[in-house]
């Protein structure tokens, strides 16, 4: 399972590859990833899967924070 982050004309889209309903938008990378975390919690029922995705999102947020 991979977290993807892409720039579009208005901001950023964050999504989980292979899962068409796990997509979020934000004006910044951080906003998009945080919103994706909310979507994951609402859409998924498997606690281990949620934690796995949240861990990947946290890692990406940490990398973004250290880039600035």
PDB file of N, CA and C in Angstrom:
ATOM      1  N   UNK A   1       0.846  -1.168   0.000  1.00  0.00           N
ATOM      2  CA  UNK A   1       0.000   0.000   0.000  1.00  0.00           C
ATOM      3  C   UNK A   1       0.896   1.237   0.000  1.00  0.00           C
ATOM      4  N   UNK A   2       0.654   2.148  -0.921  1.00  0.00           N
ATOM      5  CA  UNK A   2       1.518   3.300  -1.097  1.00  0.00           C
ATOM      6  C   UNK A   2       0.712   4.589  -0.993  1.00  0.00           C
ATOM      7  N   UNK A   3       1.256   5.557  -0.271  1.00  0.00           N
ATOM      8  CA  UNK A   3       0.662   6.883  -0.196  1.00  0.00           C
ATOM      9  C   UNK A   3       1.283   7.718  -1.310  1.00  0.00           C
ATOM     10  N   UNK A   4       0.442   8.311  -2.141  1.00  0.00           N
ATOM     11  CA  UNK A   4       0.921   9.124  -3.252  1.00  0.00           C
ATOM     12  C   UNK A   4       0.503  10.570  -3.028  1.00  0.00           C
ATOM     13  N   UNK A   5       1.404  11.479  -3.339  1.00  0.00           N
ATOM     14  CA  UNK A   5       1.145  12.903  -3.196  1.00  0.00           C
ATOM     15  C   UNK A   5       1.491  13.570  -4.520  1.00  0.00           C
ATOM     16  N   UNK A   6       0.533  14.306  -5.087  1.00  0.00           N
ATOM     17  CA  UNK A   6       0.766  14.928  -6.393  1.00  0.00           C
ATOM     18  C   UNK A   6       0.290  16.374  -6.386  1.00  0.00           C
ATOM     19  N   UNK A   7       1.039  17.218  -7.047  1.00  0.00           N
ATOM     20  CA  UNK A   7       0.679  18.625  -7.214  1.00  0.00           C
ATOM     21  C   UNK A   7      -0.329  18.731  -8.352  1.00  0.00           C
ATOM     22  N   UNK A   8      -1.367  19.527  -8.138  1.00  0.00           N
ATOM     23  CA  UNK A   8      -2.269  19.847  -9.241  1.00  0.00           C
ATOM     24  C   UNK A   8      -2.361  21.369  -9.319  1.00  0.00           C
ATOM     25  N   UNK A   9      -3.217  21.892 -10.160  1.00  0.00           N
ATOM     26  CA  UNK A   9      -3.205  23.343 -10.384  1.00  0.00           C
ATOM     27  C   UNK A   9      -3.640  24.156  -9.163  1.00  0.00           C
ATOM     28  N   UNK A  10      -4.431  23.594  -8.266  1.00  0.00           N
ATOM     29  CA  UNK A  10      -4.929  24.336  -7.107  1.00  0.00           C
ATOM     30  C   UNK A  10      -4.289  23.947  -5.783  1.00  0.00           C
ATOM     31  N   UNK A  11      -3.521  22.886  -5.754  1.00  0.00           N
ATOM     32  CA  UNK A  11      -2.939  22.434  -4.494  1.00  0.00           C
ATOM     33  C   UNK A  11      -2.326  21.065  -4.651  1.00  0.00           C
ATOM     34  N   UNK A  12      -2.679  20.167  -3.731  1.00  0.00           N
ATOM     35  CA  UNK A  12      -2.119  18.811  -3.737  1.00  0.00           C
ATOM     36  C   UNK A  12      -3.214  17.782  -3.541  1.00  0.00           C
ATOM     37  N   UNK A  13      -3.019  16.644  -4.163  1.00  0.00           N
ATOM     38  CA  UNK A  13      -3.896  15.501  -3.980  1.00  0.00           C
ATOM     39  C   UNK A  13      -3.088  14.392  -3.338  1.00  0.00           C
ATOM     40  N   UNK A  14      -3.638  13.823  -2.281  1.00  0.00           N
ATOM     41  CA  UNK A  14      -3.008  12.692  -1.610  1.00  0.00           C
ATOM     42  C   UNK A  14      -3.947  11.504  -1.755  1.00  0.00           C
ATOM     43  N   UNK A  15      -3.381  10.337  -2.060  1.00  0.00           N
ATOM     44  CA  UNK A  15      -4.235   9.166  -2.219  1.00  0.00           C
ATOM     45  C   UNK A  15      -3.473   7.899  -1.860  1.00  0.00           C
ATOM     46  N   UNK A  16      -4.241   6.844  -1.661  1.00  0.00           N
ATOM     47  CA  UNK A  16      -3.688   5.519  -1.432  1.00  0.00           C
ATOM     48  C   UNK A  16      -3.797   4.774  -2.751  1.00  0.00           C
ATOM     49  N   UNK A  17      -2.667   4.327  -3.267  1.00  0.00           N
ATOM     50  CA  UNK A  17      -2.680   3.648  -4.564  1.00  0.00           C
ATOM     51  C   UNK A  17      -3.553   2.400  -4.506  1.00  0.00           C
ATOM     52  N   UNK A  18      -4.313   2.203  -5.551  1.00  0.00           N
ATOM     53  CA  UNK A  18      -5.173   1.031  -5.649  1.00  0.00           C
ATOM     54  C   UNK A  18      -6.483   1.146  -4.895  1.00  0.00           C
ATOM     55  N   UNK A  19      -6.744   2.272  -4.266  1.00  0.00           N
ATOM     56  CA  UNK A  19      -7.991   2.484  -3.513  1.00  0.00           C
ATOM     57  C   UNK A  19      -8.657   3.747  -4.020  1.00  0.00           C
ATOM     58  N   UNK A  20      -9.662   3.616  -4.881  1.00  0.00           N
ATOM     59  CA  UNK A  20     -10.237   4.783  -5.538  1.00  0.00           C
ATOM     60  C   UNK A  20     -10.978   5.730  -4.595  1.00  0.00           C
ATOM     61  N   UNK A  21     -11.417   5.273  -3.448  1.00  0.00           N
ATOM     62  CA  UNK A  21     -12.162   6.142  -2.529  1.00  0.00           C
ATOM     63  C   UNK A  21     -11.270   6.788  -1.468  1.00  0.00           C
ATOM     64  N   UNK A  22     -10.012   6.451  -1.454  1.00  0.00           N
ATOM     65  CA  UNK A  22      -9.106   7.013  -0.452  1.00  0.00           C
ATOM     66  C   UNK A  22      -8.269   8.111  -1.092  1.00  0.00           C
ATOM     67  N   UNK A  23      -8.920   9.262  -1.276  1.00  0.00           N
ATOM     68  CA  UNK A  23      -8.311  10.413  -1.941  1.00  0.00           C
ATOM     69  C   UNK A  23      -8.680  11.664  -1.148  1.00  0.00           C
ATOM     70  N   UNK A  24      -7.732  12.598  -1.051  1.00  0.00           N
ATOM     71  CA  UNK A  24      -7.999  13.849  -0.352  1.00  0.00           C
ATOM     72  C   UNK A  24      -7.276  14.995  -1.051  1.00  0.00           C
ATOM     73  N   UNK A  25      -7.775  16.208  -0.841  1.00  0.00           N
ATOM     74  CA  UNK A  25      -7.190  17.411  -1.425  1.00  0.00           C
ATOM     75  C   UNK A  25      -6.778  18.366  -0.317  1.00  0.00           C
ATOM     76  N   UNK A  26      -5.724  19.127  -0.564  1.00  0.00           N
ATOM     77  CA  UNK A  26      -5.315  20.199   0.333  1.00  0.00           C
ATOM     78  C   UNK A  26      -4.553  21.248  -0.450  1.00  0.00           C
ATOM     79  N   UNK A  27      -4.544  22.459   0.059  1.00  0.00           N
ATOM     80  CA  UNK A  27      -3.811  23.528  -0.619  1.00  0.00           C
ATOM     81  C   UNK A  27      -2.302  23.398  -0.410  1.00  0.00           C
ATOM     82  N   UNK A  28      -1.918  22.663   0.647  1.00  0.00           N
ATOM     83  CA  UNK A  28      -0.507  22.380   0.897  1.00  0.00           C
ATOM     84  C   UNK A  28      -0.327  20.870   0.981  1.00  0.00           C
ATOM     85  N   UNK A  29       0.925  20.414   0.921  1.00  0.00           N
ATOM     86  CA  UNK A  29       1.199  18.983   1.074  1.00  0.00           C
ATOM     87  C   UNK A  29       0.686  18.490   2.415  1.00  0.00           C
ATOM     88  N   UNK A  30       0.956  19.260   3.459  1.00  0.00           N
ATOM     89  CA  UNK A  30       0.539  18.872   4.806  1.00  0.00           C
ATOM     90  C   UNK A  30      -0.976  18.754   4.920  1.00  0.00           C
ATOM     91  N   UNK A  31      -1.699  19.734   4.391  1.00  0.00           N
ATOM     92  CA  UNK A  31      -3.167  19.677   4.436  1.00  0.00           C
ATOM     93  C   UNK A  31      -3.703  18.445   3.717  1.00  0.00           C
ATOM     94  N   UNK A  32      -3.152  18.143   2.562  1.00  0.00           N
ATOM     95  CA  UNK A  32      -3.620  16.988   1.790  1.00  0.00           C
ATOM     96  C   UNK A  32      -3.379  15.691   2.555  1.00  0.00           C
ATOM     97  N   UNK A  33      -2.208  15.548   3.158  1.00  0.00           N
ATOM     98  CA  UNK A  33      -1.902  14.321   3.904  1.00  0.00           C
ATOM     99  C   UNK A  33      -2.742  14.201   5.169  1.00  0.00           C
ATOM    100  N   UNK A  34      -2.934  15.304   5.871  1.00  0.00           N
ATOM    101  CA  UNK A  34      -3.770  15.259   7.070  1.00  0.00           C
ATOM    102  C   UNK A  34      -5.212  14.901   6.724  1.00  0.00           C
ATOM    103  N   UNK A  35      -5.705  15.463   5.649  1.00  0.00           N
ATOM    104  CA  UNK A  35      -7.067  15.143   5.216  1.00  0.00           C
ATOM    105  C   UNK A  35      -7.172  13.681   4.785  1.00  0.00           C
ATOM    106  N   UNK A  36      -6.143  13.164   4.146  1.00  0.00           N
ATOM    107  CA  UNK A  36      -6.142  11.749   3.769  1.00  0.00           C
ATOM    108  C   UNK A  36      -6.237  10.868   5.013  1.00  0.00           C
ATOM    109  N   UNK A  37      -5.553  11.255   6.071  1.00  0.00           N
ATOM    110  CA  UNK A  37      -5.669  10.511   7.331  1.00  0.00           C
ATOM    111  C   UNK A  37      -7.105  10.466   7.832  1.00  0.00           C
ATOM    112  N   UNK A  38      -7.817  11.579   7.708  1.00  0.00           N
ATOM    113  CA  UNK A  38      -9.229  11.613   8.109  1.00  0.00           C
ATOM    114  C   UNK A  38     -10.084  10.709   7.234  1.00  0.00           C
ATOM    115  N   UNK A  39      -9.835  10.730   5.935  1.00  0.00           N
ATOM    116  CA  UNK A  39     -10.583   9.888   4.996  1.00  0.00           C
ATOM    117  C   UNK A  39     -10.355   8.410   5.310  1.00  0.00           C
ATOM    118  N   UNK A  40      -9.115   8.047   5.575  1.00  0.00           N
ATOM    119  CA  UNK A  40      -8.776   6.655   5.883  1.00  0.00           C
ATOM    120  C   UNK A  40      -9.549   6.187   7.115  1.00  0.00           C
ATOM    121  N   UNK A  41      -9.573   7.015   8.142  1.00  0.00           N
ATOM    122  CA  UNK A  41     -10.288   6.631   9.371  1.00  0.00           C
ATOM    123  C   UNK A  41     -11.786   6.465   9.136  1.00  0.00           C
ATOM    124  N   UNK A  42     -12.357   7.270   8.249  1.00  0.00           N
ATOM    125  CA  UNK A  42     -13.788   7.181   7.975  1.00  0.00           C
ATOM    126  C   UNK A  42     -14.153   6.005   7.074  1.00  0.00           C
ATOM    127  N   UNK A  43     -13.284   5.685   6.137  1.00  0.00           N
ATOM    128  CA  UNK A  43     -13.620   4.709   5.101  1.00  0.00           C
ATOM    129  C   UNK A  43     -13.214   3.263   5.412  1.00  0.00           C
ATOM    130  N   UNK A  44     -12.163   3.080   6.190  1.00  0.00           N
ATOM    131  CA  UNK A  44     -11.667   1.722   6.431  1.00  0.00           C
ATOM    132  C   UNK A  44     -12.155   1.181   7.767  1.00  0.00           C
ATOM    133  N   UNK A  45     -12.331  -0.110   7.825  1.00  0.00           N
ATOM    134  CA  UNK A  45     -12.772  -0.754   9.061  1.00  0.00           C
ATOM    135  C   UNK A  45     -11.661  -1.551   9.728  1.00  0.00           C
ATOM    136  N   UNK A  46     -10.644  -1.931   8.985  1.00  0.00           N
ATOM    137  CA  UNK A  46      -9.550  -2.751   9.508  1.00  0.00           C
ATOM    138  C   UNK A  46      -8.567  -1.882  10.290  1.00  0.00           C
ATOM    139  N   UNK A  47      -8.535  -2.057  11.582  1.00  0.00           N
ATOM    140  CA  UNK A  47      -7.652  -1.265  12.440  1.00  0.00           C
ATOM    141  C   UNK A  47      -6.175  -1.411  12.054  1.00  0.00           C
ATOM    142  N   UNK A  48      -5.683  -2.619  11.791  1.00  0.00           N
ATOM    143  CA  UNK A  48      -4.272  -2.734  11.386  1.00  0.00           C
ATOM    144  C   UNK A  48      -3.972  -1.979  10.087  1.00  0.00           C
ATOM    145  N   UNK A  49      -4.897  -2.024   9.145  1.00  0.00           N
ATOM    146  CA  UNK A  49      -4.700  -1.325   7.877  1.00  0.00           C
ATOM    147  C   UNK A  49      -4.697   0.195   8.096  1.00  0.00           C
ATOM    148  N   UNK A  50      -5.583   0.672   8.945  1.00  0.00           N
ATOM    149  CA  UNK A  50      -5.632   2.102   9.261  1.00  0.00           C
ATOM    150  C   UNK A  50      -4.311   2.539   9.881  1.00  0.00           C
ATOM    151  N   UNK A  51      -3.818   1.793  10.845  1.00  0.00           N
ATOM    152  CA  UNK A  51      -2.550   2.139  11.526  1.00  0.00           C
ATOM    153  C   UNK A  51      -1.377   2.120  10.548  1.00  0.00           C
ATOM    154  N   UNK A  52      -1.369   1.167   9.635  1.00  0.00           N
ATOM    155  CA  UNK A  52      -0.293   1.076   8.649  1.00  0.00           C
ATOM    156  C   UNK A  52      -0.281   2.324   7.760  1.00  0.00           C
ATOM    157  N   UNK A  53      -1.438   2.735   7.300  1.00  0.00           N
ATOM    158  CA  UNK A  53      -1.529   3.917   6.453  1.00  0.00           C
ATOM    159  C   UNK A  53      -1.184   5.168   7.247  1.00  0.00           C
ATOM    160  N   UNK A  54      -1.694   5.265   8.471  1.00  0.00           N
ATOM    161  CA  UNK A  54      -1.391   6.432   9.294  1.00  0.00           C
ATOM    162  C   UNK A  54       0.114   6.562   9.541  1.00  0.00           C
ATOM    163  N   UNK A  55       0.784   5.448   9.710  1.00  0.00           N
ATOM    164  CA  UNK A  55       2.229   5.471   9.918  1.00  0.00           C
ATOM    165  C   UNK A  55       2.933   6.035   8.685  1.00  0.00           C
ATOM    166  N   UNK A  56       2.513   5.608   7.508  1.00  0.00           N
ATOM    167  CA  UNK A  56       3.110   6.121   6.270  1.00  0.00           C
ATOM    168  C   UNK A  56       2.841   7.616   6.109  1.00  0.00           C
ATOM    169  N   UNK A  57       1.632   8.053   6.450  1.00  0.00           N
ATOM    170  CA  UNK A  57       1.296   9.471   6.362  1.00  0.00           C
ATOM    171  C   UNK A  57       2.162  10.274   7.335  1.00  0.00           C
ATOM    172  N   UNK A  58       2.323   9.785   8.554  1.00  0.00           N
ATOM    173  CA  UNK A  58       3.161  10.466   9.540  1.00  0.00           C
ATOM    174  C   UNK A  58       4.604  10.580   9.056  1.00  0.00           C
ATOM    175  N   UNK A  59       5.118   9.535   8.441  1.00  0.00           N
ATOM    176  CA  UNK A  59       6.482   9.570   7.909  1.00  0.00           C
ATOM    177  C   UNK A  59       6.609  10.641   6.832  1.00  0.00           C
ATOM    178  N   UNK A  60       5.606  10.748   5.967  1.00  0.00           N
ATOM    179  CA  UNK A  60       5.645  11.760   4.909  1.00  0.00           C
ATOM    180  C   UNK A  60       5.544  13.163   5.509  1.00  0.00           C
ATOM    181  N   UNK A  61       4.681  13.345   6.509  1.00  0.00           N
ATOM    182  CA  UNK A  61       4.560  14.638   7.159  1.00  0.00           C
ATOM    183  C   UNK A  61       5.885  15.034   7.827  1.00  0.00           C
ATOM    184  N   UNK A  62       6.550  14.094   8.433  1.00  0.00           N
ATOM    185  CA  UNK A  62       7.836  14.357   9.063  1.00  0.00           C
ATOM    186  C   UNK A  62       8.871  14.797   8.023  1.00  0.00           C
ATOM    187  N   UNK A  63       8.911  14.119   6.893  1.00  0.00           N
ATOM    188  CA  UNK A  63       9.841  14.499   5.830  1.00  0.00           C
ATOM    189  C   UNK A  63       9.551  15.908   5.314  1.00  0.00           C
ATOM    190  N   UNK A  64       8.268  16.231   5.169  1.00  0.00           N
ATOM    191  CA  UNK A  64       7.882  17.564   4.695  1.00  0.00           C
ATOM    192  C   UNK A  64       8.339  18.611   5.704  1.00  0.00           C
ATOM    193  N   UNK A  65       8.141  18.342   6.986  1.00  0.00           N
ATOM    194  CA  UNK A  65       8.507  19.296   8.032  1.00  0.00           C
ATOM    195  C   UNK A  65      10.020  19.540   8.057  1.00  0.00           C
ATOM    196  N   UNK A  66      10.800  18.518   7.762  1.00  0.00           N
ATOM    197  CA  UNK A  66      12.250  18.696   7.802  1.00  0.00           C
ATOM    198  C   UNK A  66      12.803  19.309   6.512  1.00  0.00           C
ATOM    199  N   UNK A  67      11.977  19.365   5.453  1.00  0.00           N
ATOM    200  CA  UNK A  67      12.395  20.000   4.204  1.00  0.00           C
ATOM    201  C   UNK A  67      12.447  21.514   4.344  1.00  0.00           C
ATOM    202  N   UNK A  68      11.570  22.065   5.173  1.00  0.00           N
ATOM    203  CA  UNK A  68      11.457  23.533   5.285  1.00  0.00           C
ATOM    204  C   UNK A  68      12.529  24.139   6.143  1.00  0.00           C
TER     205      UNK A  68
END
